[in-house]
Amino acid sequence: GKIIVFSSIENDEGYKNNDIYYRELS
């Protein structure tokens, strides 16, 4: 599936590489 990032957040946290890679997320 897809996650559409449509807001800023209060820190620099993000999406983990392996979550994206193994699940083929966009």
mmCIF file of all heavy atoms, coordinates in Angstrom:
data_MODEL
# 
_entry.id   MODEL 
# 
loop_
_atom_site.group_PDB 
_atom_site.id 
_atom_site.type_symbol 
_atom_site.label_atom_id 
_atom_site.label_alt_id 
_atom_site.label_comp_id 
_atom_site.label_asym_id 
_atom_site.label_entity_id 
_atom_site.label_seq_id 
_atom_site.pdbx_PDB_ins_code 
_atom_site.Cartn_x 
_atom_site.Cartn_y 
_atom_site.Cartn_z 
_atom_site.occupancy 
_atom_site.B_iso_or_equiv 
_atom_site.pdbx_formal_charge 
_atom_site.auth_seq_id 
_atom_site.auth_comp_id 
_atom_site.auth_asym_id 
_atom_site.auth_atom_id 
_atom_site.pdbx_PDB_model_num 
ATOM 1   N N   . GLY A 1 1  ? 0.800  -1.223 0.000  1.00 0.00 ? 1  GLY A N   1 
ATOM 2   C CA  . GLY A 1 1  ? 0.000  0.000  0.000  1.00 0.00 ? 1  GLY A CA  1 
ATOM 3   C C   . GLY A 1 1  ? 0.830  1.269  0.000  1.00 0.00 ? 1  GLY A C   1 
ATOM 4   O O   . GLY A 1 1  ? 2.064  1.238  -0.094 1.00 0.00 ? 1  GLY A O   1 
ATOM 5   N N   . LYS A 1 2  ? 0.131  2.398  0.146  1.00 0.00 ? 2  LYS A N   1 
ATOM 6   C CA  . LYS A 1 2  ? 0.764  3.710  0.079  1.00 0.00 ? 2  LYS A CA  1 
ATOM 7   C C   . LYS A 1 2  ? 0.466  4.515  1.336  1.00 0.00 ? 2  LYS A C   1 
ATOM 8   O O   . LYS A 1 2  ? -0.658 4.477  1.845  1.00 0.00 ? 2  LYS A O   1 
ATOM 9   C CB  . LYS A 1 2  ? 0.255  4.497  -1.137 1.00 0.00 ? 2  LYS A CB  1 
ATOM 10  C CG  . LYS A 1 2  ? 0.510  3.832  -2.477 1.00 0.00 ? 2  LYS A CG  1 
ATOM 11  C CD  . LYS A 1 2  ? -0.159 4.626  -3.593 1.00 0.00 ? 2  LYS A CD  1 
ATOM 12  C CE  . LYS A 1 2  ? 0.019  3.938  -4.944 1.00 0.00 ? 2  LYS A CE  1 
ATOM 13  N NZ  . LYS A 1 2  ? -0.683 4.666  -6.027 1.00 0.00 ? 2  LYS A NZ  1 
ATOM 14  N N   . ILE A 1 3  ? 1.467  5.233  1.804  1.00 0.00 ? 3  ILE A N   1 
ATOM 15  C CA  . ILE A 1 3  ? 1.287  6.207  2.869  1.00 0.00 ? 3  ILE A CA  1 
ATOM 16  C C   . ILE A 1 3  ? 1.584  7.584  2.284  1.00 0.00 ? 3  ILE A C   1 
ATOM 17  O O   . ILE A 1 3  ? 2.673  7.824  1.763  1.00 0.00 ? 3  ILE A O   1 
ATOM 18  C CB  . ILE A 1 3  ? 2.205  5.922  4.070  1.00 0.00 ? 3  ILE A CB  1 
ATOM 19  C CG1 . ILE A 1 3  ? 1.857  4.571  4.697  1.00 0.00 ? 3  ILE A CG1 1 
ATOM 20  C CG2 . ILE A 1 3  ? 2.095  7.040  5.112  1.00 0.00 ? 3  ILE A CG2 1 
ATOM 21  C CD1 . ILE A 1 3  ? 2.800  4.139  5.803  1.00 0.00 ? 3  ILE A CD1 1 
ATOM 22  N N   . ILE A 1 4  ? 0.594  8.461  2.323  1.00 0.00 ? 4  ILE A N   1 
ATOM 23  C CA  . ILE A 1 4  ? 0.752  9.807  1.776  1.00 0.00 ? 4  ILE A CA  1 
ATOM 24  C C   . ILE A 1 4  ? 1.095  10.756 2.923  1.00 0.00 ? 4  ILE A C   1 
ATOM 25  O O   . ILE A 1 4  ? 0.272  10.990 3.817  1.00 0.00 ? 4  ILE A O   1 
ATOM 26  C CB  . ILE A 1 4  ? -0.531 10.284 1.071  1.00 0.00 ? 4  ILE A CB  1 
ATOM 27  C CG1 . ILE A 1 4  ? -1.078 9.187  0.145  1.00 0.00 ? 4  ILE A CG1 1 
ATOM 28  C CG2 . ILE A 1 4  ? -0.262 11.579 0.311  1.00 0.00 ? 4  ILE A CG2 1 
ATOM 29  C CD1 . ILE A 1 4  ? -0.121 8.707  -0.920 1.00 0.00 ? 4  ILE A CD1 1 
ATOM 30  N N   . VAL A 1 5  ? 2.302  11.267 2.915  1.00 0.00 ? 5  VAL A N   1 
ATOM 31  C CA  . VAL A 1 5  ? 2.761  12.182 3.969  1.00 0.00 ? 5  VAL A CA  1 
ATOM 32  C C   . VAL A 1 5  ? 2.292  13.584 3.613  1.00 0.00 ? 5  VAL A C   1 
ATOM 33  O O   . VAL A 1 5  ? 2.787  14.205 2.675  1.00 0.00 ? 5  VAL A O   1 
ATOM 34  C CB  . VAL A 1 5  ? 4.291  12.138 4.112  1.00 0.00 ? 5  VAL A CB  1 
ATOM 35  C CG1 . VAL A 1 5  ? 4.750  13.087 5.219  1.00 0.00 ? 5  VAL A CG1 1 
ATOM 36  C CG2 . VAL A 1 5  ? 4.753  10.710 4.405  1.00 0.00 ? 5  VAL A CG2 1 
ATOM 37  N N   . PHE A 1 6  ? 1.331  14.071 4.392  1.00 0.00 ? 6  PHE A N   1 
ATOM 38  C CA  . PHE A 1 6  ? 0.686  15.335 4.071  1.00 0.00 ? 6  PHE A CA  1 
ATOM 39  C C   . PHE A 1 6  ? 0.716  16.278 5.274  1.00 0.00 ? 6  PHE A C   1 
ATOM 40  O O   . PHE A 1 6  ? -0.192 17.075 5.487  1.00 0.00 ? 6  PHE A O   1 
ATOM 41  C CB  . PHE A 1 6  ? -0.748 15.057 3.608  1.00 0.00 ? 6  PHE A CB  1 
ATOM 42  C CG  . PHE A 1 6  ? -1.469 16.235 3.020  1.00 0.00 ? 6  PHE A CG  1 
ATOM 43  C CD1 . PHE A 1 6  ? -0.821 17.138 2.198  1.00 0.00 ? 6  PHE A CD1 1 
ATOM 44  C CD2 . PHE A 1 6  ? -2.802 16.443 3.290  1.00 0.00 ? 6  PHE A CD2 1 
ATOM 45  C CE1 . PHE A 1 6  ? -1.482 18.225 1.658  1.00 0.00 ? 6  PHE A CE1 1 
ATOM 46  C CE2 . PHE A 1 6  ? -3.489 17.525 2.762  1.00 0.00 ? 6  PHE A CE2 1 
ATOM 47  C CZ  . PHE A 1 6  ? -2.820 18.420 1.944  1.00 0.00 ? 6  PHE A CZ  1 
ATOM 48  N N   . SER A 1 7  ? 1.755  16.166 6.081  1.00 0.00 ? 7  SER A N   1 
ATOM 49  C CA  . SER A 1 7  ? 1.925  17.062 7.233  1.00 0.00 ? 7  SER A CA  1 
ATOM 50  C C   . SER A 1 7  ? 3.359  16.965 7.714  1.00 0.00 ? 7  SER A C   1 
ATOM 51  O O   . SER A 1 7  ? 4.030  15.947 7.512  1.00 0.00 ? 7  SER A O   1 
ATOM 52  C CB  . SER A 1 7  ? 0.970  16.681 8.369  1.00 0.00 ? 7  SER A CB  1 
ATOM 53  O OG  . SER A 1 7  ? 1.279  15.388 8.851  1.00 0.00 ? 7  SER A OG  1 
ATOM 54  N N   . SER A 1 8  ? 3.813  18.024 8.360  1.00 0.00 ? 8  SER A N   1 
ATOM 55  C CA  . SER A 1 8  ? 5.100  17.970 9.042  1.00 0.00 ? 8  SER A CA  1 
ATOM 56  C C   . SER A 1 8  ? 4.863  17.466 10.464 1.00 0.00 ? 8  SER A C   1 
ATOM 57  O O   . SER A 1 8  ? 3.733  17.494 10.960 1.00 0.00 ? 8  SER A O   1 
ATOM 58  C CB  . SER A 1 8  ? 5.757  19.351 9.069  1.00 0.00 ? 8  SER A CB  1 
ATOM 59  O OG  . SER A 1 8  ? 4.944  20.272 9.787  1.00 0.00 ? 8  SER A OG  1 
ATOM 60  N N   . ILE A 1 9  ? 5.919  16.972 11.110 1.00 0.00 ? 9  ILE A N   1 
ATOM 61  C CA  . ILE A 1 9  ? 5.810  16.513 12.493 1.00 0.00 ? 9  ILE A CA  1 
ATOM 62  C C   . ILE A 1 9  ? 6.796  17.281 13.362 1.00 0.00 ? 9  ILE A C   1 
ATOM 63  O O   . ILE A 1 9  ? 7.607  18.061 12.863 1.00 0.00 ? 9  ILE A O   1 
ATOM 64  C CB  . ILE A 1 9  ? 6.027  14.995 12.613 1.00 0.00 ? 9  ILE A CB  1 
ATOM 65  C CG1 . ILE A 1 9  ? 7.421  14.600 12.072 1.00 0.00 ? 9  ILE A CG1 1 
ATOM 66  C CG2 . ILE A 1 9  ? 4.945  14.232 11.880 1.00 0.00 ? 9  ILE A CG2 1 
ATOM 67  C CD1 . ILE A 1 9  ? 7.768  13.138 12.300 1.00 0.00 ? 9  ILE A CD1 1 
ATOM 68  N N   . GLU A 1 10 ? 6.729  17.017 14.665 1.00 0.00 ? 10 GLU A N   1 
ATOM 69  C CA  . GLU A 1 10 ? 7.473  17.835 15.617 1.00 0.00 ? 10 GLU A CA  1 
ATOM 70  C C   . GLU A 1 10 ? 8.929  17.418 15.790 1.00 0.00 ? 10 GLU A C   1 
ATOM 71  O O   . GLU A 1 10 ? 9.678  18.058 16.515 1.00 0.00 ? 10 GLU A O   1 
ATOM 72  C CB  . GLU A 1 10 ? 6.753  17.807 16.977 1.00 0.00 ? 10 GLU A CB  1 
ATOM 73  C CG  . GLU A 1 10 ? 6.874  16.490 17.741 1.00 0.00 ? 10 GLU A CG  1 
ATOM 74  C CD  . GLU A 1 10 ? 5.898  15.413 17.294 1.00 0.00 ? 10 GLU A CD  1 
ATOM 75  O OE1 . GLU A 1 10 ? 5.244  15.594 16.247 1.00 0.00 ? 10 GLU A OE1 1 
ATOM 76  O OE2 . GLU A 1 10 ? 5.791  14.383 17.988 1.00 0.00 ? 10 GLU A OE2 1 
ATOM 77  N N   . ASN A 1 11 ? 9.349  16.331 15.118 1.00 0.00 ? 11 ASN A N   1 
ATOM 78  C CA  . ASN A 1 11 ? 10.735 15.877 15.247 1.00 0.00 ? 11 ASN A CA  1 
ATOM 79  C C   . ASN A 1 11 ? 11.174 15.239 13.931 1.00 0.00 ? 11 ASN A C   1 
ATOM 80  O O   . ASN A 1 11 ? 10.501 15.370 12.916 1.00 0.00 ? 11 ASN A O   1 
ATOM 81  C CB  . ASN A 1 11 ? 10.867 14.898 16.417 1.00 0.00 ? 11 ASN A CB  1 
ATOM 82  C CG  . ASN A 1 11 ? 9.875  13.743 16.329 1.00 0.00 ? 11 ASN A CG  1 
ATOM 83  O OD1 . ASN A 1 11 ? 9.643  13.210 15.244 1.00 0.00 ? 11 ASN A OD1 1 
ATOM 84  N ND2 . ASN A 1 11 ? 9.266  13.382 17.448 1.00 0.00 ? 11 ASN A ND2 1 
ATOM 85  N N   . ASP A 1 12 ? 12.314 14.540 13.977 1.00 0.00 ? 12 ASP A N   1 
ATOM 86  C CA  . ASP A 1 12 ? 12.877 13.973 12.745 1.00 0.00 ? 12 ASP A CA  1 
ATOM 87  C C   . ASP A 1 12 ? 12.617 12.478 12.608 1.00 0.00 ? 12 ASP A C   1 
ATOM 88  O O   . ASP A 1 12 ? 13.294 11.796 11.831 1.00 0.00 ? 12 ASP A O   1 
ATOM 89  C CB  . ASP A 1 12 ? 14.392 14.229 12.684 1.00 0.00 ? 12 ASP A CB  1 
ATOM 90  C CG  . ASP A 1 12 ? 14.733 15.699 12.475 1.00 0.00 ? 12 ASP A CG  1 
ATOM 91  O OD1 . ASP A 1 12 ? 13.936 16.371 11.795 1.00 0.00 ? 12 ASP A OD1 1 
ATOM 92  O OD2 . ASP A 1 12 ? 15.768 16.160 12.979 1.00 0.00 ? 12 ASP A OD2 1 
ATOM 93  N N   . GLU A 1 13 ? 11.672 11.952 13.332 1.00 0.00 ? 13 GLU A N   1 
ATOM 94  C CA  . GLU A 1 13 ? 11.369 10.530 13.198 1.00 0.00 ? 13 GLU A CA  1 
ATOM 95  C C   . GLU A 1 13 ? 10.801 10.240 11.810 1.00 0.00 ? 13 GLU A C   1 
ATOM 96  O O   . GLU A 1 13 ? 10.207 11.102 11.172 1.00 0.00 ? 13 GLU A O   1 
ATOM 97  C CB  . GLU A 1 13 ? 10.369 10.097 14.282 1.00 0.00 ? 13 GLU A CB  1 
ATOM 98  C CG  . GLU A 1 13 ? 10.960 10.114 15.685 1.00 0.00 ? 13 GLU A CG  1 
ATOM 99  C CD  . GLU A 1 13 ? 10.020 9.489  16.705 1.00 0.00 ? 13 GLU A CD  1 
ATOM 100 O OE1 . GLU A 1 13 ? 9.214  8.626  16.310 1.00 0.00 ? 13 GLU A OE1 1 
ATOM 101 O OE2 . GLU A 1 13 ? 10.107 9.868  17.886 1.00 0.00 ? 13 GLU A OE2 1 
ATOM 102 N N   . GLY A 1 14 ? 10.999 8.991  11.365 1.00 0.00 ? 14 GLY A N   1 
ATOM 103 C CA  . GLY A 1 14 ? 10.533 8.648  10.030 1.00 0.00 ? 14 GLY A CA  1 
ATOM 104 C C   . GLY A 1 14 ? 10.175 7.182  9.912  1.00 0.00 ? 14 GLY A C   1 
ATOM 105 O O   . GLY A 1 14 ? 10.002 6.479  10.917 1.00 0.00 ? 14 GLY A O   1 
ATOM 106 N N   . TYR A 1 15 ? 10.087 6.709  8.688  1.00 0.00 ? 15 TYR A N   1 
ATOM 107 C CA  . TYR A 1 15 ? 9.694  5.342  8.399  1.00 0.00 ? 15 TYR A CA  1 
ATOM 108 C C   . TYR A 1 15 ? 10.932 4.470  8.272  1.00 0.00 ? 15 TYR A C   1 
ATOM 109 O O   . TYR A 1 15 ? 11.898 4.832  7.590  1.00 0.00 ? 15 TYR A O   1 
ATOM 110 C CB  . TYR A 1 15 ? 8.867  5.311  7.112  1.00 0.00 ? 15 TYR A CB  1 
ATOM 111 C CG  . TYR A 1 15 ? 7.614  6.126  7.227  1.00 0.00 ? 15 TYR A CG  1 
ATOM 112 C CD1 . TYR A 1 15 ? 7.624  7.496  6.952  1.00 0.00 ? 15 TYR A CD1 1 
ATOM 113 C CD2 . TYR A 1 15 ? 6.424  5.561  7.649  1.00 0.00 ? 15 TYR A CD2 1 
ATOM 114 C CE1 . TYR A 1 15 ? 6.479  8.266  7.085  1.00 0.00 ? 15 TYR A CE1 1 
ATOM 115 C CE2 . TYR A 1 15 ? 5.278  6.316  7.788  1.00 0.00 ? 15 TYR A CE2 1 
ATOM 116 C CZ  . TYR A 1 15 ? 5.311  7.665  7.503  1.00 0.00 ? 15 TYR A CZ  1 
ATOM 117 O OH  . TYR A 1 15 ? 4.179  8.424  7.644  1.00 0.00 ? 15 TYR A OH  1 
ATOM 118 N N   . LYS A 1 16 ? 10.915 3.303  8.902  1.00 0.00 ? 16 LYS A N   1 
ATOM 119 C CA  . LYS A 1 16 ? 12.078 2.420  8.889  1.00 0.00 ? 16 LYS A CA  1 
ATOM 120 C C   . LYS A 1 16 ? 12.244 1.765  7.529  1.00 0.00 ? 16 LYS A C   1 
ATOM 121 O O   . LYS A 1 16 ? 11.280 1.317  6.912  1.00 0.00 ? 16 LYS A O   1 
ATOM 122 C CB  . LYS A 1 16 ? 11.937 1.364  9.985  1.00 0.00 ? 16 LYS A CB  1 
ATOM 123 C CG  . LYS A 1 16 ? 11.960 1.936  11.393 1.00 0.00 ? 16 LYS A CG  1 
ATOM 124 C CD  . LYS A 1 16 ? 11.831 0.836  12.439 1.00 0.00 ? 16 LYS A CD  1 
ATOM 125 C CE  . LYS A 1 16 ? 11.868 1.425  13.847 1.00 0.00 ? 16 LYS A CE  1 
ATOM 126 N NZ  . LYS A 1 16 ? 11.708 0.374  14.883 1.00 0.00 ? 16 LYS A NZ  1 
ATOM 127 N N   . ASN A 1 17 ? 13.486 1.708  7.092  1.00 0.00 ? 17 ASN A N   1 
ATOM 128 C CA  . ASN A 1 17 ? 13.803 1.166  5.780  1.00 0.00 ? 17 ASN A CA  1 
ATOM 129 C C   . ASN A 1 17 ? 13.228 -0.234 5.567  1.00 0.00 ? 17 ASN A C   1 
ATOM 130 O O   . ASN A 1 17 ? 12.629 -0.524 4.522  1.00 0.00 ? 17 ASN A O   1 
ATOM 131 C CB  . ASN A 1 17 ? 15.314 1.132  5.591  1.00 0.00 ? 17 ASN A CB  1 
ATOM 132 C CG  . ASN A 1 17 ? 15.724 0.645  4.216  1.00 0.00 ? 17 ASN A CG  1 
ATOM 133 O OD1 . ASN A 1 17 ? 15.737 1.410  3.263  1.00 0.00 ? 17 ASN A OD1 1 
ATOM 134 N ND2 . ASN A 1 17 ? 16.053 -0.639 4.094  1.00 0.00 ? 17 ASN A ND2 1 
ATOM 135 N N   . ASN A 1 18 ? 13.401 -1.115 6.533  1.00 0.00 ? 18 ASN A N   1 
ATOM 136 C CA  . ASN A 1 18 ? 12.979 -2.502 6.343  1.00 0.00 ? 18 ASN A CA  1 
ATOM 137 C C   . ASN A 1 18 ? 11.460 -2.653 6.325  1.00 0.00 ? 18 ASN A C   1 
ATOM 138 O O   . ASN A 1 18 ? 10.938 -3.571 5.686  1.00 0.00 ? 18 ASN A O   1 
ATOM 139 C CB  . ASN A 1 18 ? 13.588 -3.407 7.416  1.00 0.00 ? 18 ASN A CB  1 
ATOM 140 C CG  . ASN A 1 18 ? 15.069 -3.646 7.166  1.00 0.00 ? 18 ASN A CG  1 
ATOM 141 O OD1 . ASN A 1 18 ? 15.614 -3.155 6.169  1.00 0.00 ? 18 ASN A OD1 1 
ATOM 142 N ND2 . ASN A 1 18 ? 15.716 -4.384 8.042  1.00 0.00 ? 18 ASN A ND2 1 
ATOM 143 N N   . ASP A 1 19 ? 10.762 -1.777 7.042  1.00 0.00 ? 19 ASP A N   1 
ATOM 144 C CA  . ASP A 1 19 ? 9.295  -1.787 6.953  1.00 0.00 ? 19 ASP A CA  1 
ATOM 145 C C   . ASP A 1 19 ? 8.860  -1.503 5.519  1.00 0.00 ? 19 ASP A C   1 
ATOM 146 O O   . ASP A 1 19 ? 7.938  -2.127 4.990  1.00 0.00 ? 19 ASP A O   1 
ATOM 147 C CB  . ASP A 1 19 ? 8.691  -0.730 7.886  1.00 0.00 ? 19 ASP A CB  1 
ATOM 148 C CG  . ASP A 1 19 ? 8.697  -1.161 9.336  1.00 0.00 ? 19 ASP A CG  1 
ATOM 149 O OD1 . ASP A 1 19 ? 8.654  -2.375 9.594  1.00 0.00 ? 19 ASP A OD1 1 
ATOM 150 O OD2 . ASP A 1 19 ? 8.746  -0.279 10.203 1.00 0.00 ? 19 ASP A OD2 1 
ATOM 151 N N   . ILE A 1 20 ? 9.528  -0.541 4.905  1.00 0.00 ? 20 ILE A N   1 
ATOM 152 C CA  . ILE A 1 20 ? 9.192  -0.166 3.535  1.00 0.00 ? 20 ILE A CA  1 
ATOM 153 C C   . ILE A 1 20 ? 9.620  -1.263 2.557  1.00 0.00 ? 20 ILE A C   1 
ATOM 154 O O   . ILE A 1 20 ? 8.858  -1.665 1.669  1.00 0.00 ? 20 ILE A O   1 
ATOM 155 C CB  . ILE A 1 20 ? 9.878  1.171  3.169  1.00 0.00 ? 20 ILE A CB  1 
ATOM 156 C CG1 . ILE A 1 20 ? 9.378  2.297  4.083  1.00 0.00 ? 20 ILE A CG1 1 
ATOM 157 C CG2 . ILE A 1 20 ? 9.638  1.526  1.707  1.00 0.00 ? 20 ILE A CG2 1 
ATOM 158 C CD1 . ILE A 1 20 ? 10.157 3.587  3.946  1.00 0.00 ? 20 ILE A CD1 1 
ATOM 159 N N   . TYR A 1 21 ? 10.826 -1.784 2.760  1.00 0.00 ? 21 TYR A N   1 
ATOM 160 C CA  . TYR A 1 21 ? 11.408 -2.739 1.815  1.00 0.00 ? 21 TYR A CA  1 
ATOM 161 C C   . TYR A 1 21 ? 10.659 -4.066 1.783  1.00 0.00 ? 21 TYR A C   1 
ATOM 162 O O   . TYR A 1 21 ? 10.207 -4.519 0.727  1.00 0.00 ? 21 TYR A O   1 
ATOM 163 C CB  . TYR A 1 21 ? 12.881 -2.957 2.162  1.00 0.00 ? 21 TYR A CB  1 
ATOM 164 C CG  . TYR A 1 21 ? 13.553 -4.022 1.343  1.00 0.00 ? 21 TYR A CG  1 
ATOM 165 C CD1 . TYR A 1 21 ? 13.759 -3.840 -0.031 1.00 0.00 ? 21 TYR A CD1 1 
ATOM 166 C CD2 . TYR A 1 21 ? 14.003 -5.199 1.924  1.00 0.00 ? 21 TYR A CD2 1 
ATOM 167 C CE1 . TYR A 1 21 ? 14.384 -4.811 -0.787 1.00 0.00 ? 21 TYR A CE1 1 
ATOM 168 C CE2 . TYR A 1 21 ? 14.625 -6.183 1.175  1.00 0.00 ? 21 TYR A CE2 1 
ATOM 169 C CZ  . TYR A 1 21 ? 14.811 -5.987 -0.186 1.00 0.00 ? 21 TYR A CZ  1 
ATOM 170 O OH  . TYR A 1 21 ? 15.419 -6.950 -0.937 1.00 0.00 ? 21 TYR A OH  1 
ATOM 171 N N   . TYR A 1 22 ? 10.520 -4.703 2.925  1.00 0.00 ? 22 TYR A N   1 
ATOM 172 C CA  . TYR A 1 22 ? 9.933  -6.051 2.952  1.00 0.00 ? 22 TYR A CA  1 
ATOM 173 C C   . TYR A 1 22 ? 8.433  -6.053 2.661  1.00 0.00 ? 22 TYR A C   1 
ATOM 174 O O   . TYR A 1 22 ? 7.886  -7.045 2.205  1.00 0.00 ? 22 TYR A O   1 
ATOM 175 C CB  . TYR A 1 22 ? 10.210 -6.728 4.290  1.00 0.00 ? 22 TYR A CB  1 
ATOM 176 C CG  . TYR A 1 22 ? 11.647 -7.173 4.434  1.00 0.00 ? 22 TYR A CG  1 
ATOM 177 C CD1 . TYR A 1 22 ? 12.499 -6.529 5.320  1.00 0.00 ? 22 TYR A CD1 1 
ATOM 178 C CD2 . TYR A 1 22 ? 12.155 -8.212 3.667  1.00 0.00 ? 22 TYR A CD2 1 
ATOM 179 C CE1 . TYR A 1 22 ? 13.828 -6.916 5.451  1.00 0.00 ? 22 TYR A CE1 1 
ATOM 180 C CE2 . TYR A 1 22 ? 13.485 -8.612 3.789  1.00 0.00 ? 22 TYR A CE2 1 
ATOM 181 C CZ  . TYR A 1 22 ? 14.315 -7.962 4.678  1.00 0.00 ? 22 TYR A CZ  1 
ATOM 182 O OH  . TYR A 1 22 ? 15.629 -8.355 4.803  1.00 0.00 ? 22 TYR A OH  1 
ATOM 183 N N   . ARG A 1 23 ? 7.786  -4.935 2.921  1.00 0.00 ? 23 ARG A N   1 
ATOM 184 C CA  . ARG A 1 23 ? 6.341  -4.866 2.680  1.00 0.00 ? 23 ARG A CA  1 
ATOM 185 C C   . ARG A 1 23 ? 6.014  -4.138 1.370  1.00 0.00 ? 23 ARG A C   1 
ATOM 186 O O   . ARG A 1 23 ? 4.855  -3.997 1.019  1.00 0.00 ? 23 ARG A O   1 
ATOM 187 C CB  . ARG A 1 23 ? 5.662  -4.158 3.860  1.00 0.00 ? 23 ARG A CB  1 
ATOM 188 C CG  . ARG A 1 23 ? 5.799  -4.892 5.184  1.00 0.00 ? 23 ARG A CG  1 
ATOM 189 C CD  . ARG A 1 23 ? 5.108  -4.133 6.298  1.00 0.00 ? 23 ARG A CD  1 
ATOM 190 N NE  . ARG A 1 23 ? 3.677  -3.984 6.033  1.00 0.00 ? 23 ARG A NE  1 
ATOM 191 C CZ  . ARG A 1 23 ? 2.881  -3.144 6.705  1.00 0.00 ? 23 ARG A CZ  1 
ATOM 192 N NH1 . ARG A 1 23 ? 3.384  -2.366 7.659  1.00 0.00 ? 23 ARG A NH1 1 
ATOM 193 N NH2 . ARG A 1 23 ? 1.598  -3.076 6.419  1.00 0.00 ? 23 ARG A NH2 1 
ATOM 194 N N   . GLU A 1 24 ? 7.036  -3.713 0.655  1.00 0.00 ? 24 GLU A N   1 
ATOM 195 C CA  . GLU A 1 24 ? 6.870  -2.981 -0.611 1.00 0.00 ? 24 GLU A CA  1 
ATOM 196 C C   . GLU A 1 24 ? 5.877  -1.831 -0.476 1.00 0.00 ? 24 GLU A C   1 
ATOM 197 O O   . GLU A 1 24 ? 4.951  -1.661 -1.266 1.00 0.00 ? 24 GLU A O   1 
ATOM 198 C CB  . GLU A 1 24 ? 6.453  -3.921 -1.748 1.00 0.00 ? 24 GLU A CB  1 
ATOM 199 C CG  . GLU A 1 24 ? 7.562  -4.872 -2.164 1.00 0.00 ? 24 GLU A CG  1 
ATOM 200 C CD  . GLU A 1 24 ? 7.278  -5.577 -3.476 1.00 0.00 ? 24 GLU A CD  1 
ATOM 201 O OE1 . GLU A 1 24 ? 6.119  -5.575 -3.921 1.00 0.00 ? 24 GLU A OE1 1 
ATOM 202 O OE2 . GLU A 1 24 ? 8.238  -6.126 -4.052 1.00 0.00 ? 24 GLU A OE2 1 
ATOM 203 N N   . LEU A 1 25 ? 6.117  -1.015 0.540  1.00 0.00 ? 25 LEU A N   1 
ATOM 204 C CA  . LEU A 1 25 ? 5.270  0.153  0.760  1.00 0.00 ? 25 LEU A CA  1 
ATOM 205 C C   . LEU A 1 25 ? 5.768  1.339  -0.059 1.00 0.00 ? 25 LEU A C   1 
ATOM 206 O O   . LEU A 1 25 ? 6.974  1.462  -0.327 1.00 0.00 ? 25 LEU A O   1 
ATOM 207 C CB  . LEU A 1 25 ? 5.261  0.537  2.242  1.00 0.00 ? 25 LEU A CB  1 
ATOM 208 C CG  . LEU A 1 25 ? 4.746  -0.513 3.223  1.00 0.00 ? 25 LEU A CG  1 
ATOM 209 C CD1 . LEU A 1 25 ? 4.859  0.002  4.649  1.00 0.00 ? 25 LEU A CD1 1 
ATOM 210 C CD2 . LEU A 1 25 ? 3.309  -0.901 2.901  1.00 0.00 ? 25 LEU A CD2 1 
ATOM 211 N N   . SER A 1 26 ? 4.863  2.205  -0.446 1.00 0.00 ? 26 SER A N   1 
ATOM 212 C CA  . SER A 1 26 ? 5.220  3.462  -1.104 1.00 0.00 ? 26 SER A CA  1 
ATOM 213 C C   . SER A 1 26 ? 4.952  4.603  -0.133 1.00 0.00 ? 26 SER A C   1 
ATOM 214 O O   . SER A 1 26 ? 3.834  4.752  0.365  1.00 0.00 ? 26 SER A O   1 
ATOM 215 C CB  . SER A 1 26 ? 4.393  3.664  -2.377 1.00 0.00 ? 26 SER A CB  1 
ATOM 216 O OG  . SER A 1 26 ? 4.647  2.653  -3.322 1.00 0.00 ? 26 SER A OG  1 
# 
